[in-house]
Amino acid sequence: MKLAEETTEAIKHDILDKAFLRFGRYGFGKTTMAEIAKDCDMSAGNLYRYFDNKKEIAAGCAQRCMQQKLDLVRGILRDPDLSPDKKLQRFALDILEYMHQQFSDQSALMELVDFVSRERGDIVAHYMEQEKSLLSEILSEGNRSGEYNIPDVLETASLIQASLIKFIAPRYMDAFPLEELRKEATGVTALLTAGLKT
């Protein structure tokens, strides 16, 4: 039974890989289930065994992308050699690098982003809460070490999340050069961390 489950997950993973590439090339609206199935070397009927429709595949692509971002942040949190200041900077810069790599050369992916934002706000809200929780962990660490003086960690995490949106959301990845975004993200996080110490 376990082997069958692993096989099913591997197939789903491959479907999401192929669908994400197609969405990036042709857009969400123009992509059909039959085309995704062809990319996966399977029949459309077989594809429906794994996903009920294109919207479900799009949601799966979005959830996986968001999970990869969260995994990046968890890796930063676990690094004992990074101060809270450095963790906040890495939070912005590492997610920026990841998002720019995913979205900068695939403007058609914005159709997928728009669909998820419009019709699957629950996925976005769940991700934002998890991201805010991880930011709160960084801030709490700074409080414990005496580097920060933050009375309301959750509210501050929410404000930091909002202030870094240009660097961690897909909307801006195709609009600005990566070097410009890196410079701005470094400057913004420096301002934020300076403010956290007062």
N, C-alpha and C. Protein backbone atom coordinates (compact mmCIF):
# COMPACT_ATOMS: atom_id res chain seq x y z
N MET A 1 0.82 -1.20 0.00
CA MET A 1 0.00 0.00 0.00
C MET A 1 0.86 1.26 0.00
N LYS A 2 1.93 1.24 0.82
CA LYS A 2 2.81 2.40 0.92
C LYS A 2 3.48 2.70 -0.42
N LEU A 3 3.91 1.66 -1.13
CA LEU A 3 4.55 1.83 -2.43
C LEU A 3 3.58 2.47 -3.42
N ALA A 4 2.31 2.04 -3.39
CA ALA A 4 1.29 2.61 -4.29
C ALA A 4 1.08 4.09 -3.98
N GLU A 5 1.07 4.43 -2.71
CA GLU A 5 0.90 5.84 -2.31
C GLU A 5 2.09 6.68 -2.78
N GLU A 6 3.29 6.13 -2.64
CA GLU A 6 4.49 6.84 -3.07
C GLU A 6 4.49 7.03 -4.59
N THR A 7 4.03 6.00 -5.31
CA THR A 7 3.94 6.09 -6.77
C THR A 7 2.94 7.17 -7.18
N THR A 8 1.78 7.18 -6.51
CA THR A 8 0.76 8.19 -6.79
C THR A 8 1.30 9.59 -6.54
N GLU A 9 2.01 9.78 -5.42
CA GLU A 9 2.58 11.09 -5.11
C GLU A 9 3.63 11.50 -6.13
N ALA A 10 4.43 10.54 -6.58
CA ALA A 10 5.45 10.84 -7.59
C ALA A 10 4.80 11.28 -8.91
N ILE A 11 3.72 10.60 -9.28
CA ILE A 11 3.00 10.96 -10.51
C ILE A 11 2.39 12.35 -10.37
N LYS A 12 1.78 12.63 -9.22
CA LYS A 12 1.20 13.95 -8.99
C LYS A 12 2.28 15.03 -9.06
N HIS A 13 3.42 14.73 -8.49
CA HIS A 13 4.54 15.66 -8.51
C HIS A 13 4.95 15.96 -9.95
N ASP A 14 5.02 14.94 -10.78
CA ASP A 14 5.40 15.11 -12.18
C ASP A 14 4.34 15.92 -12.93
N ILE A 15 3.07 15.66 -12.64
CA ILE A 15 1.99 16.41 -13.28
C ILE A 15 2.10 17.89 -12.94
N LEU A 16 2.35 18.19 -11.67
CA LEU A 16 2.48 19.59 -11.25
C LEU A 16 3.69 20.25 -11.91
N ASP A 17 4.79 19.50 -12.03
CA ASP A 17 5.99 20.02 -12.73
C ASP A 17 5.64 20.42 -14.16
N LYS A 18 5.01 19.51 -14.87
CA LYS A 18 4.69 19.74 -16.29
C LYS A 18 3.65 20.85 -16.43
N ALA A 19 2.66 20.85 -15.57
CA ALA A 19 1.61 21.87 -15.64
C ALA A 19 2.19 23.26 -15.37
N PHE A 20 3.08 23.36 -14.38
CA PHE A 20 3.68 24.64 -14.04
C PHE A 20 4.45 25.19 -15.24
N LEU A 21 5.19 24.32 -15.92
CA LEU A 21 5.93 24.75 -17.12
C LEU A 21 4.99 25.24 -18.21
N ARG A 22 3.89 24.51 -18.40
CA ARG A 22 2.92 24.90 -19.43
C ARG A 22 2.22 26.20 -19.06
N PHE A 23 1.83 26.33 -17.81
CA PHE A 23 1.20 27.58 -17.37
C PHE A 23 2.15 28.76 -17.60
N GLY A 24 3.43 28.52 -17.36
CA GLY A 24 4.43 29.57 -17.55
C GLY A 24 4.63 29.94 -19.00
N ARG A 25 4.45 28.97 -19.88
CA ARG A 25 4.67 29.20 -21.32
C ARG A 25 3.44 29.78 -22.01
N TYR A 26 2.26 29.22 -21.67
CA TYR A 26 1.05 29.57 -22.42
C TYR A 26 -0.03 30.26 -21.58
N GLY A 27 0.16 30.29 -20.28
CA GLY A 27 -0.86 30.89 -19.43
C GLY A 27 -1.87 29.88 -18.93
N PHE A 28 -2.52 30.23 -17.84
CA PHE A 28 -3.52 29.34 -17.23
C PHE A 28 -4.74 29.19 -18.12
N GLY A 29 -5.21 30.30 -18.69
CA GLY A 29 -6.44 30.28 -19.47
C GLY A 29 -6.37 29.41 -20.71
N LYS A 30 -5.24 29.43 -21.39
CA LYS A 30 -5.12 28.70 -22.66
C LYS A 30 -4.72 27.24 -22.48
N THR A 31 -4.37 26.87 -21.28
CA THR A 31 -3.93 25.49 -21.03
C THR A 31 -5.14 24.58 -20.82
N THR A 32 -5.11 23.40 -21.42
CA THR A 32 -6.20 22.43 -21.24
C THR A 32 -5.68 21.19 -20.52
N MET A 33 -6.61 20.44 -19.98
CA MET A 33 -6.26 19.17 -19.33
C MET A 33 -5.61 18.23 -20.33
N ALA A 34 -6.11 18.23 -21.57
CA ALA A 34 -5.57 17.34 -22.60
C ALA A 34 -4.10 17.67 -22.88
N GLU A 35 -3.76 18.95 -22.88
CA GLU A 35 -2.37 19.36 -23.14
C GLU A 35 -1.46 18.95 -21.97
N ILE A 36 -1.95 19.13 -20.74
CA ILE A 36 -1.16 18.70 -19.58
C ILE A 36 -0.94 17.20 -19.63
N ALA A 37 -1.99 16.46 -19.97
CA ALA A 37 -1.88 15.01 -20.07
C ALA A 37 -0.84 14.61 -21.12
N LYS A 38 -0.87 15.29 -22.27
CA LYS A 38 0.09 15.00 -23.33
C LYS A 38 1.51 15.26 -22.85
N ASP A 39 1.72 16.37 -22.13
CA ASP A 39 3.05 16.70 -21.59
C ASP A 39 3.53 15.61 -20.64
N CYS A 40 2.59 14.95 -19.97
CA CYS A 40 2.93 13.90 -18.99
C CYS A 40 2.96 12.50 -19.61
N ASP A 41 2.79 12.44 -20.94
CA ASP A 41 2.76 11.14 -21.64
C ASP A 41 1.69 10.22 -21.08
N MET A 42 0.52 10.79 -20.82
CA MET A 42 -0.61 9.97 -20.36
C MET A 42 -1.88 10.44 -21.05
N SER A 43 -2.91 9.64 -20.96
CA SER A 43 -4.20 10.02 -21.55
C SER A 43 -4.88 11.03 -20.64
N ALA A 44 -5.80 11.80 -21.21
CA ALA A 44 -6.57 12.76 -20.40
C ALA A 44 -7.37 12.01 -19.34
N GLY A 45 -7.89 10.83 -19.70
CA GLY A 45 -8.64 10.03 -18.74
C GLY A 45 -7.80 9.63 -17.55
N ASN A 46 -6.54 9.28 -17.80
CA ASN A 46 -5.62 8.91 -16.72
C ASN A 46 -5.31 10.11 -15.83
N LEU A 47 -5.18 11.29 -16.45
CA LEU A 47 -4.89 12.52 -15.68
C LEU A 47 -6.00 12.79 -14.66
N TYR A 48 -7.24 12.52 -15.07
CA TYR A 48 -8.38 12.76 -14.17
C TYR A 48 -8.39 11.82 -12.97
N ARG A 49 -7.58 10.78 -13.02
CA ARG A 49 -7.47 9.91 -11.84
C ARG A 49 -6.72 10.61 -10.71
N TYR A 50 -5.91 11.61 -11.07
CA TYR A 50 -5.06 12.29 -10.09
C TYR A 50 -5.58 13.68 -9.72
N PHE A 51 -6.20 14.36 -10.67
CA PHE A 51 -6.74 15.69 -10.42
C PHE A 51 -8.10 15.81 -11.10
N ASP A 52 -9.05 16.39 -10.40
CA ASP A 52 -10.41 16.50 -10.92
C ASP A 52 -10.53 17.48 -12.08
N ASN A 53 -9.72 18.53 -12.06
CA ASN A 53 -9.81 19.56 -13.10
C ASN A 53 -8.54 20.42 -13.09
N LYS A 54 -8.50 21.34 -14.04
CA LYS A 54 -7.34 22.23 -14.18
C LYS A 54 -7.17 23.15 -12.97
N LYS A 55 -8.29 23.56 -12.39
CA LYS A 55 -8.22 24.44 -11.22
C LYS A 55 -7.55 23.74 -10.05
N GLU A 56 -7.81 22.46 -9.91
CA GLU A 56 -7.18 21.70 -8.83
C GLU A 56 -5.67 21.58 -9.06
N ILE A 57 -5.28 21.42 -10.31
CA ILE A 57 -3.86 21.37 -10.64
C ILE A 57 -3.21 22.73 -10.35
N ALA A 58 -3.89 23.81 -10.72
CA ALA A 58 -3.37 25.15 -10.45
C ALA A 58 -3.19 25.37 -8.95
N ALA A 59 -4.17 24.94 -8.18
CA ALA A 59 -4.08 25.08 -6.72
C ALA A 59 -2.90 24.27 -6.19
N GLY A 60 -2.69 23.07 -6.75
CA GLY A 60 -1.56 22.24 -6.34
C GLY A 60 -0.23 22.90 -6.66
N CYS A 61 -0.14 23.53 -7.83
CA CYS A 61 1.09 24.25 -8.21
C CYS A 61 1.36 25.39 -7.23
N ALA A 62 0.31 26.14 -6.89
CA ALA A 62 0.46 27.27 -5.97
C ALA A 62 0.88 26.81 -4.58
N GLN A 63 0.22 25.75 -4.10
CA GLN A 63 0.54 25.25 -2.76
C GLN A 63 1.97 24.76 -2.69
N ARG A 64 2.43 24.11 -3.74
CA ARG A 64 3.80 23.61 -3.75
C ARG A 64 4.80 24.75 -3.75
N CYS A 65 4.54 25.78 -4.54
CA CYS A 65 5.41 26.95 -4.58
C CYS A 65 5.48 27.61 -3.20
N MET A 66 4.33 27.75 -2.57
CA MET A 66 4.27 28.37 -1.24
C MET A 66 5.00 27.51 -0.21
N GLN A 67 4.85 26.21 -0.33
CA GLN A 67 5.53 25.30 0.60
C GLN A 67 7.04 25.40 0.45
N GLN A 68 7.51 25.53 -0.78
CA GLN A 68 8.95 25.67 -1.01
C GLN A 68 9.48 26.97 -0.39
N LYS A 69 8.67 28.03 -0.45
CA LYS A 69 9.07 29.29 0.20
C LYS A 69 9.16 29.11 1.71
N LEU A 70 8.17 28.43 2.29
CA LEU A 70 8.18 28.20 3.74
C LEU A 70 9.37 27.34 4.15
N ASP A 71 9.71 26.37 3.32
CA ASP A 71 10.86 25.51 3.63
C ASP A 71 12.16 26.31 3.62
N LEU A 72 12.25 27.28 2.71
CA LEU A 72 13.42 28.17 2.68
C LEU A 72 13.55 28.91 4.02
N VAL A 73 12.42 29.45 4.49
CA VAL A 73 12.44 30.22 5.74
C VAL A 73 12.77 29.32 6.93
N ARG A 74 12.24 28.12 6.92
CA ARG A 74 12.54 27.19 8.03
C ARG A 74 14.03 26.87 8.06
N GLY A 75 14.65 26.76 6.90
CA GLY A 75 16.09 26.54 6.83
C GLY A 75 16.87 27.70 7.44
N ILE A 76 16.41 28.91 7.17
CA ILE A 76 17.04 30.11 7.75
C ILE A 76 16.89 30.10 9.27
N LEU A 77 15.70 29.77 9.73
CA LEU A 77 15.44 29.75 11.18
C LEU A 77 16.33 28.76 11.91
N ARG A 78 16.63 27.65 11.27
CA ARG A 78 17.42 26.59 11.92
C ARG A 78 18.92 26.87 11.93
N ASP A 79 19.36 27.90 11.22
CA ASP A 79 20.79 28.18 11.11
C ASP A 79 21.29 28.88 12.38
N PRO A 80 22.07 28.19 13.20
CA PRO A 80 22.52 28.77 14.47
C PRO A 80 23.56 29.87 14.30
N ASP A 81 24.13 29.98 13.12
CA ASP A 81 25.17 30.98 12.89
C ASP A 81 24.61 32.34 12.48
N LEU A 82 23.29 32.43 12.30
CA LEU A 82 22.69 33.68 11.86
C LEU A 82 22.02 34.40 13.03
N SER A 83 22.31 35.69 13.14
CA SER A 83 21.65 36.53 14.14
C SER A 83 20.22 36.80 13.65
N PRO A 84 19.32 37.28 14.52
CA PRO A 84 17.98 37.64 14.06
C PRO A 84 17.99 38.68 12.93
N ASP A 85 18.91 39.66 13.01
CA ASP A 85 19.04 40.64 11.92
C ASP A 85 19.33 39.96 10.59
N LYS A 86 20.30 39.04 10.62
CA LYS A 86 20.69 38.33 9.40
C LYS A 86 19.56 37.43 8.91
N LYS A 87 18.83 36.85 9.85
CA LYS A 87 17.71 35.97 9.46
C LYS A 87 16.63 36.76 8.73
N LEU A 88 16.34 37.97 9.21
CA LEU A 88 15.34 38.80 8.53
C LEU A 88 15.83 39.21 7.14
N GLN A 89 17.11 39.54 7.05
CA GLN A 89 17.66 39.89 5.74
C GLN A 89 17.62 38.70 4.79
N ARG A 90 18.03 37.54 5.29
CA ARG A 90 17.99 36.33 4.47
C ARG A 90 16.55 35.96 4.09
N PHE A 91 15.62 36.18 5.00
CA PHE A 91 14.19 35.94 4.70
C PHE A 91 13.82 36.67 3.42
N ALA A 92 14.13 37.98 3.37
CA ALA A 92 13.78 38.78 2.19
C ALA A 92 14.58 38.37 0.96
N LEU A 93 15.88 38.21 1.12
CA LEU A 93 16.74 37.95 -0.04
C LEU A 93 16.58 36.55 -0.61
N ASP A 94 16.46 35.55 0.26
CA ASP A 94 16.33 34.17 -0.23
C ASP A 94 14.99 33.95 -0.94
N ILE A 95 13.92 34.50 -0.36
CA ILE A 95 12.62 34.36 -1.03
C ILE A 95 12.63 35.15 -2.34
N LEU A 96 13.24 36.34 -2.33
CA LEU A 96 13.35 37.12 -3.56
C LEU A 96 14.05 36.32 -4.66
N GLU A 97 15.17 35.69 -4.33
CA GLU A 97 15.92 34.90 -5.32
C GLU A 97 15.04 33.77 -5.86
N TYR A 98 14.36 33.08 -4.95
CA TYR A 98 13.50 31.97 -5.36
C TYR A 98 12.37 32.46 -6.27
N MET A 99 11.68 33.52 -5.85
CA MET A 99 10.54 34.01 -6.63
C MET A 99 10.98 34.57 -7.97
N HIS A 100 12.12 35.25 -7.99
CA HIS A 100 12.61 35.81 -9.26
C HIS A 100 12.95 34.68 -10.23
N GLN A 101 13.54 33.64 -9.72
CA GLN A 101 13.87 32.49 -10.57
C GLN A 101 12.61 31.86 -11.15
N GLN A 102 11.55 31.77 -10.34
CA GLN A 102 10.31 31.12 -10.78
C GLN A 102 9.51 31.99 -11.76
N PHE A 103 9.49 33.31 -11.52
CA PHE A 103 8.51 34.16 -12.21
C PHE A 103 9.07 35.20 -13.17
N SER A 104 10.36 35.52 -13.11
CA SER A 104 10.85 36.66 -13.88
C SER A 104 10.77 36.46 -15.39
N ASP A 105 10.98 35.25 -15.87
CA ASP A 105 10.97 35.01 -17.31
C ASP A 105 9.69 34.31 -17.78
N GLN A 106 8.71 34.23 -16.91
CA GLN A 106 7.47 33.53 -17.26
C GLN A 106 6.27 34.40 -16.91
N SER A 107 6.11 35.50 -17.64
CA SER A 107 5.04 36.45 -17.33
C SER A 107 3.66 35.80 -17.43
N ALA A 108 3.53 34.74 -18.23
CA ALA A 108 2.23 34.07 -18.35
C ALA A 108 1.81 33.41 -17.03
N LEU A 109 2.78 33.18 -16.13
CA LEU A 109 2.44 32.59 -14.83
C LEU A 109 1.56 33.50 -13.99
N MET A 110 1.53 34.80 -14.33
CA MET A 110 0.70 35.71 -13.56
C MET A 110 -0.78 35.36 -13.69
N GLU A 111 -1.16 34.69 -14.77
CA GLU A 111 -2.55 34.21 -14.89
C GLU A 111 -2.85 33.19 -13.79
N LEU A 112 -1.87 32.35 -13.49
CA LEU A 112 -2.02 31.37 -12.42
C LEU A 112 -2.12 32.08 -11.07
N VAL A 113 -1.26 33.07 -10.87
CA VAL A 113 -1.29 33.85 -9.63
C VAL A 113 -2.65 34.54 -9.46
N ASP A 114 -3.14 35.13 -10.55
CA ASP A 114 -4.43 35.83 -10.50
C ASP A 114 -5.57 34.86 -10.18
N PHE A 115 -5.53 33.68 -10.79
CA PHE A 115 -6.57 32.68 -10.51
C PHE A 115 -6.58 32.29 -9.05
N VAL A 116 -5.40 31.97 -8.52
CA VAL A 116 -5.31 31.54 -7.12
C VAL A 116 -5.74 32.66 -6.18
N SER A 117 -5.31 33.89 -6.46
CA SER A 117 -5.69 35.02 -5.62
C SER A 117 -7.20 35.25 -5.64
N ARG A 118 -7.79 35.07 -6.81
CA ARG A 118 -9.22 35.35 -6.99
C ARG A 118 -10.10 34.22 -6.46
N GLU A 119 -9.73 32.99 -6.77
CA GLU A 119 -10.64 31.87 -6.49
C GLU A 119 -10.19 30.96 -5.34
N ARG A 120 -8.94 31.06 -4.94
CA ARG A 120 -8.46 30.22 -3.85
C ARG A 120 -7.75 31.06 -2.79
N GLY A 121 -8.45 32.08 -2.36
CA GLY A 121 -7.92 32.94 -1.32
C GLY A 121 -7.58 32.20 -0.04
N ASP A 122 -8.24 31.05 0.16
CA ASP A 122 -7.97 30.24 1.35
C ASP A 122 -6.52 29.75 1.36
N ILE A 123 -6.01 29.39 0.18
CA ILE A 123 -4.62 28.93 0.08
C ILE A 123 -3.67 30.07 0.43
N VAL A 124 -3.95 31.25 -0.12
CA VAL A 124 -3.09 32.41 0.12
C VAL A 124 -3.12 32.79 1.61
N ALA A 125 -4.33 32.82 2.19
CA ALA A 125 -4.47 33.20 3.60
C ALA A 125 -3.73 32.22 4.51
N HIS A 126 -3.83 30.93 4.20
CA HIS A 126 -3.14 29.91 4.99
C HIS A 126 -1.63 30.09 4.91
N TYR A 127 -1.14 30.37 3.70
CA TYR A 127 0.29 30.59 3.52
C TYR A 127 0.74 31.82 4.30
N MET A 128 -0.01 32.90 4.18
CA MET A 128 0.38 34.15 4.86
C MET A 128 0.45 33.97 6.37
N GLU A 129 -0.46 33.18 6.92
CA GLU A 129 -0.44 32.92 8.37
C GLU A 129 0.81 32.12 8.76
N GLN A 130 1.15 31.12 7.95
CA GLN A 130 2.34 30.32 8.24
C GLN A 130 3.61 31.16 8.12
N GLU A 131 3.66 32.00 7.10
CA GLU A 131 4.83 32.86 6.91
C GLU A 131 4.95 33.83 8.08
N LYS A 132 3.82 34.40 8.50
CA LYS A 132 3.83 35.34 9.63
C LYS A 132 4.30 34.65 10.91
N SER A 133 3.89 33.40 11.08
CA SER A 133 4.31 32.63 12.25
C SER A 133 5.83 32.43 12.27
N LEU A 134 6.41 32.16 11.10
CA LEU A 134 7.86 31.98 11.01
C LEU A 134 8.59 33.30 11.26
N LEU A 135 8.05 34.38 10.73
CA LEU A 135 8.64 35.69 11.02
C LEU A 135 8.58 35.99 12.52
N SER A 136 7.48 35.59 13.15
CA SER A 136 7.33 35.80 14.59
C SER A 136 8.40 35.06 15.38
N GLU A 137 8.79 33.88 14.87
CA GLU A 137 9.85 33.12 15.54
C GLU A 137 11.18 33.88 15.50
N ILE A 138 11.47 34.51 14.37
CA ILE A 138 12.70 35.30 14.26
C ILE A 138 12.65 36.47 15.25
N LEU A 139 11.52 37.15 15.30
CA LEU A 139 11.37 38.30 16.18
C LEU A 139 11.45 37.89 17.65
N SER A 140 10.84 36.76 17.98
CA SER A 140 10.88 36.26 19.36
C SER A 140 12.31 35.92 19.77
N GLU A 141 13.06 35.37 18.82
CA GLU A 141 14.47 35.07 19.10
C GLU A 141 15.23 36.36 19.41
N GLY A 142 14.94 37.41 18.66
CA GLY A 142 15.58 38.70 18.90
C GLY A 142 15.20 39.28 20.25
N ASN A 143 13.96 39.10 20.65
CA ASN A 143 13.54 39.54 22.00
C ASN A 143 14.29 38.78 23.09
N ARG A 144 14.38 37.47 22.90
CA ARG A 144 15.04 36.63 23.92
C ARG A 144 16.52 36.97 24.07
N SER A 145 17.16 37.29 22.94
CA SER A 145 18.59 37.60 22.99
C SER A 145 18.86 39.03 23.44
N GLY A 146 17.82 39.84 23.54
CA GLY A 146 17.99 41.24 23.93
C GLY A 146 18.29 42.18 22.77
N GLU A 147 18.32 41.63 21.54
CA GLU A 147 18.60 42.48 20.37
C GLU A 147 17.41 43.34 20.00
N TYR A 148 16.21 42.82 20.21
CA TYR A 148 15.00 43.55 19.86
C TYR A 148 14.20 43.88 21.12
N ASN A 149 13.32 44.85 20.93
CA ASN A 149 12.39 45.21 21.99
C ASN A 149 11.01 45.34 21.35
N ILE A 150 10.34 44.20 21.18
CA ILE A 150 9.07 44.16 20.45
C ILE A 150 7.95 43.75 21.40
N PRO A 151 7.06 44.68 21.73
CA PRO A 151 5.96 44.36 22.65
C PRO A 151 4.96 43.37 22.05
N ASP A 152 4.60 43.54 20.76
CA ASP A 152 3.62 42.67 20.11
C ASP A 152 4.27 42.01 18.89
N VAL A 153 4.75 40.80 19.10
CA VAL A 153 5.51 40.10 18.06
C VAL A 153 4.65 39.79 16.83
N LEU A 154 3.43 39.32 17.04
CA LEU A 154 2.57 38.95 15.91
C LEU A 154 2.20 40.15 15.05
N GLU A 155 1.85 41.25 15.70
CA GLU A 155 1.50 42.45 14.94
C GLU A 155 2.70 42.96 14.17
N THR A 156 3.87 42.93 14.80
CA THR A 156 5.10 43.39 14.13
C THR A 156 5.44 42.48 12.95
N ALA A 157 5.26 41.17 13.12
CA ALA A 157 5.51 40.24 12.02
C ALA A 157 4.60 40.54 10.84
N SER A 158 3.34 40.87 11.13
CA SER A 158 2.39 41.20 10.07
C SER A 158 2.81 42.46 9.32
N LEU A 159 3.31 43.46 10.06
CA LEU A 159 3.76 44.70 9.43
C LEU A 159 5.03 44.48 8.60
N ILE A 160 5.92 43.64 9.10
CA ILE A 160 7.14 43.32 8.33
C ILE A 160 6.76 42.59 7.03
N GLN A 161 5.85 41.66 7.14
CA GLN A 161 5.36 40.93 5.97
C GLN A 161 4.84 41.92 4.92
N ALA A 162 4.06 42.89 5.36
CA ALA A 162 3.50 43.89 4.43
C ALA A 162 4.60 44.76 3.82
N SER A 163 5.60 45.12 4.63
CA SER A 163 6.66 46.01 4.14
C SER A 163 7.59 45.33 3.15
N LEU A 164 7.63 43.99 3.17
CA LEU A 164 8.53 43.26 2.27
C LEU A 164 7.82 42.67 1.05
N ILE A 165 6.54 43.02 0.87
CA ILE A 165 5.73 42.37 -0.16
C ILE A 165 6.33 42.48 -1.56
N LYS A 166 7.00 43.60 -1.85
CA LYS A 166 7.60 43.78 -3.18
C LYS A 166 8.66 42.73 -3.48
N PHE A 167 9.27 42.19 -2.42
CA PHE A 167 10.39 41.26 -2.61
C PHE A 167 9.99 39.79 -2.46
N ILE A 168 8.77 39.55 -1.98
CA ILE A 168 8.40 38.15 -1.70
C ILE A 168 7.13 37.72 -2.43
N ALA A 169 6.54 38.63 -3.23
CA ALA A 169 5.33 38.29 -3.98
C ALA A 169 5.65 38.22 -5.48
N PRO A 170 4.98 37.35 -6.21
CA PRO A 170 5.31 37.16 -7.64
C PRO A 170 5.02 38.37 -8.51
N ARG A 171 4.11 39.24 -8.09
CA ARG A 171 3.66 40.35 -8.92
C ARG A 171 4.79 41.24 -9.43
N TYR A 172 5.86 41.38 -8.64
CA TYR A 172 6.90 42.36 -8.97
C TYR A 172 8.14 41.73 -9.62
N MET A 173 8.13 40.42 -9.77
CA MET A 173 9.35 39.74 -10.22
C MET A 173 9.71 40.04 -11.67
N ASP A 174 8.71 40.34 -12.48
CA ASP A 174 8.98 40.60 -13.89
C ASP A 174 9.11 42.09 -14.17
N ALA A 175 8.83 42.91 -13.15
CA ALA A 175 8.78 44.36 -13.36
C ALA A 175 10.11 45.06 -13.08
N PHE A 176 10.97 44.42 -12.28
CA PHE A 176 12.21 45.08 -11.86
C PHE A 176 13.39 44.12 -12.02
N PRO A 177 14.57 44.66 -12.33
CA PRO A 177 15.78 43.81 -12.40
C PRO A 177 16.09 43.22 -11.02
N LEU A 178 16.62 42.02 -11.01
CA LEU A 178 16.93 41.35 -9.75
C LEU A 178 17.90 42.16 -8.90
N GLU A 179 18.92 42.74 -9.52
CA GLU A 179 19.92 43.49 -8.75
C GLU A 179 19.29 44.69 -8.03
N GLU A 180 18.37 45.34 -8.71
CA GLU A 180 17.66 46.47 -8.09
C GLU A 180 16.83 46.00 -6.91
N LEU A 181 16.14 44.89 -7.08
CA LEU A 181 15.31 44.34 -5.99
C LEU A 181 16.18 43.90 -4.81
N ARG A 182 17.32 43.29 -5.10
CA ARG A 182 18.25 42.88 -4.03
C ARG A 182 18.70 44.09 -3.21
N LYS A 183 19.08 45.15 -3.91
CA LYS A 183 19.56 46.35 -3.24
C LYS A 183 18.45 46.94 -2.35
N GLU A 184 17.27 47.02 -2.89
CA GLU A 184 16.14 47.57 -2.12
C GLU A 184 15.81 46.70 -0.93
N ALA A 185 15.79 45.38 -1.13
CA ALA A 185 15.47 44.46 -0.04
C ALA A 185 16.48 44.57 1.09
N THR A 186 17.75 44.71 0.74
CA THR A 186 18.80 44.87 1.74
C THR A 186 18.59 46.16 2.53
N GLY A 187 18.27 47.24 1.82
CA GLY A 187 18.04 48.52 2.47
C GLY A 187 16.81 48.52 3.37
N VAL A 188 15.74 47.92 2.89
CA VAL A 188 14.49 47.88 3.68
C VAL A 188 14.68 47.04 4.95
N THR A 189 15.33 45.88 4.82
CA THR A 189 15.53 45.05 6.02
C THR A 189 16.46 45.73 7.02
N ALA A 190 17.43 46.52 6.53
CA ALA A 190 18.32 47.27 7.43
C ALA A 190 17.51 48.30 8.21
N LEU A 191 16.60 48.99 7.54
CA LEU A 191 15.73 49.95 8.22
C LEU A 191 14.85 49.27 9.25
N LEU A 192 14.29 48.12 8.86
CA LEU A 192 13.41 47.39 9.77
C LEU A 192 14.14 46.94 11.03
N THR A 193 15.30 46.34 10.83
CA THR A 193 16.03 45.82 12.00
C THR A 193 16.52 46.94 12.91
N ALA A 194 16.86 48.08 12.33
CA ALA A 194 17.25 49.24 13.15
C ALA A 194 16.07 49.69 14.01
N GLY A 195 14.89 49.68 13.42
CA GLY A 195 13.69 50.08 14.14
C GLY A 195 13.29 49.10 15.24
N LEU A 196 13.61 47.84 15.06
CA LEU A 196 13.24 46.82 16.06
C LEU A 196 14.06 46.95 17.34
N LYS A 197 15.17 47.66 17.26
CA LYS A 197 16.06 47.77 18.42
C LYS A 197 15.71 48.95 19.36
N THR A 198 14.81 49.83 18.91
CA THR A 198 14.50 51.03 19.70
C THR A 198 13.46 50.75 20.78
